[in-house]
Amino acid sequence: MDEALTMRQRFAELGPWYVNGTASVADRAWVDGYVRTHPEARADLDWYASLQQEISADVPEVPPDTGLERLLKRVRRER
């Protein structure tokens, strides 16, 4: 496989994780280096960021009493 294509695929795989802050330190460094050598890739990161913002805006806020704590309280009550 062509090395440039392989690098582009890796960038595409890491881009969303980079933008949402969950990429590892090594992966973040790799993406930073890729963008330095391929400045046109910055537009892709900007697109991933805008997509993340749109998705986040559409997700309803979860009340703080929902989730694990609520379940644990219920389990304790039913014992």
Protein backbone atom coordinates (compact mmCIF):
# COMPACT_ATOMS: atom_id res chain seq x y z
CA MET A 1 0.00 0.00 0.00
CA ASP A 2 1.16 3.51 -0.78
CA GLU A 3 2.76 5.18 2.27
CA ALA A 4 0.98 8.48 1.64
CA LEU A 5 -2.36 6.69 1.51
CA THR A 6 -1.57 4.80 4.70
CA MET A 7 -0.67 8.05 6.48
CA ARG A 8 -3.83 9.73 5.20
CA GLN A 9 -5.92 6.81 6.46
CA ARG A 10 -4.25 7.00 9.87
CA PHE A 11 -4.94 10.72 9.98
CA ALA A 12 -8.60 10.11 9.11
CA GLU A 13 -8.85 7.48 11.86
CA LEU A 14 -7.18 9.66 14.50
CA GLY A 15 -8.80 12.99 13.58
CA PRO A 16 -12.03 12.58 15.55
CA TRP A 17 -10.17 11.31 18.65
CA TYR A 18 -7.70 14.19 18.35
CA VAL A 19 -10.51 16.75 18.20
CA ASN A 20 -12.45 15.37 21.15
CA GLY A 21 -9.33 15.13 23.30
CA THR A 22 -9.25 11.35 23.75
CA ALA A 23 -6.29 10.55 21.48
CA SER A 24 -3.18 9.35 23.28
CA VAL A 25 -0.21 11.67 23.68
CA ALA A 26 1.65 9.73 20.98
CA ASP A 27 -1.32 9.91 18.59
CA ARG A 28 -1.77 13.64 19.25
CA ALA A 29 1.90 14.19 18.47
CA TRP A 30 1.54 12.17 15.27
CA VAL A 31 -1.47 14.23 14.15
CA ASP A 32 0.36 17.47 14.99
CA GLY A 33 3.29 16.35 12.88
CA TYR A 34 1.03 15.28 10.03
CA VAL A 35 -0.69 18.68 9.99
CA ARG A 36 2.69 20.44 10.01
CA THR A 37 3.76 18.54 6.90
CA HIS A 38 0.27 18.55 5.31
CA PRO A 39 -1.24 21.97 6.15
CA GLU A 40 -4.33 21.20 4.06
CA ALA A 41 -5.24 18.61 6.70
CA ARG A 42 -6.06 21.46 9.12
CA ALA A 43 -9.37 21.87 7.25
CA ASP A 44 -10.23 18.26 8.08
CA LEU A 45 -9.59 18.85 11.79
CA ASP A 46 -11.73 21.98 11.63
CA TRP A 47 -14.50 19.92 10.01
CA TYR A 48 -14.25 17.23 12.72
CA ALA A 49 -14.48 19.97 15.37
CA SER A 50 -17.56 21.54 13.78
CA LEU A 51 -19.19 18.13 13.47
CA GLN A 52 -18.49 17.43 17.14
CA GLN A 53 -20.05 20.77 18.11
CA GLU A 54 -23.17 20.05 16.05
CA ILE A 55 -23.56 16.60 17.56
CA SER A 56 -23.03 17.94 21.09
CA ALA A 57 -25.64 20.64 20.53
CA ASP A 58 -28.21 18.00 19.57
CA VAL A 59 -27.67 15.82 22.64
CA PRO A 60 -29.99 16.59 25.54
CA GLU A 61 -28.38 17.29 28.87
CA VAL A 62 -28.60 14.39 31.29
CA PRO A 63 -29.83 15.30 34.77
CA PRO A 64 -27.20 14.69 37.45
CA ASP A 65 -29.46 12.25 39.32
CA THR A 66 -29.49 9.89 36.35
CA GLY A 67 -26.98 7.13 36.00
CA LEU A 68 -24.88 5.05 38.34
CA GLU A 69 -25.66 6.92 41.56
CA ARG A 70 -29.39 6.61 40.99
CA LEU A 71 -29.05 2.90 40.24
CA LEU A 72 -26.94 2.31 43.36
CA LYS A 73 -29.51 4.11 45.54
CA ARG A 74 -32.24 1.92 44.07
CA VAL A 75 -30.23 -1.24 44.68
CA ARG A 76 -29.59 -0.23 48.29
CA ARG A 77 -33.28 0.48 48.87
CA GLU A 78 -34.35 -2.86 47.45
CA ARG A 79 -31.97 -4.91 49.61
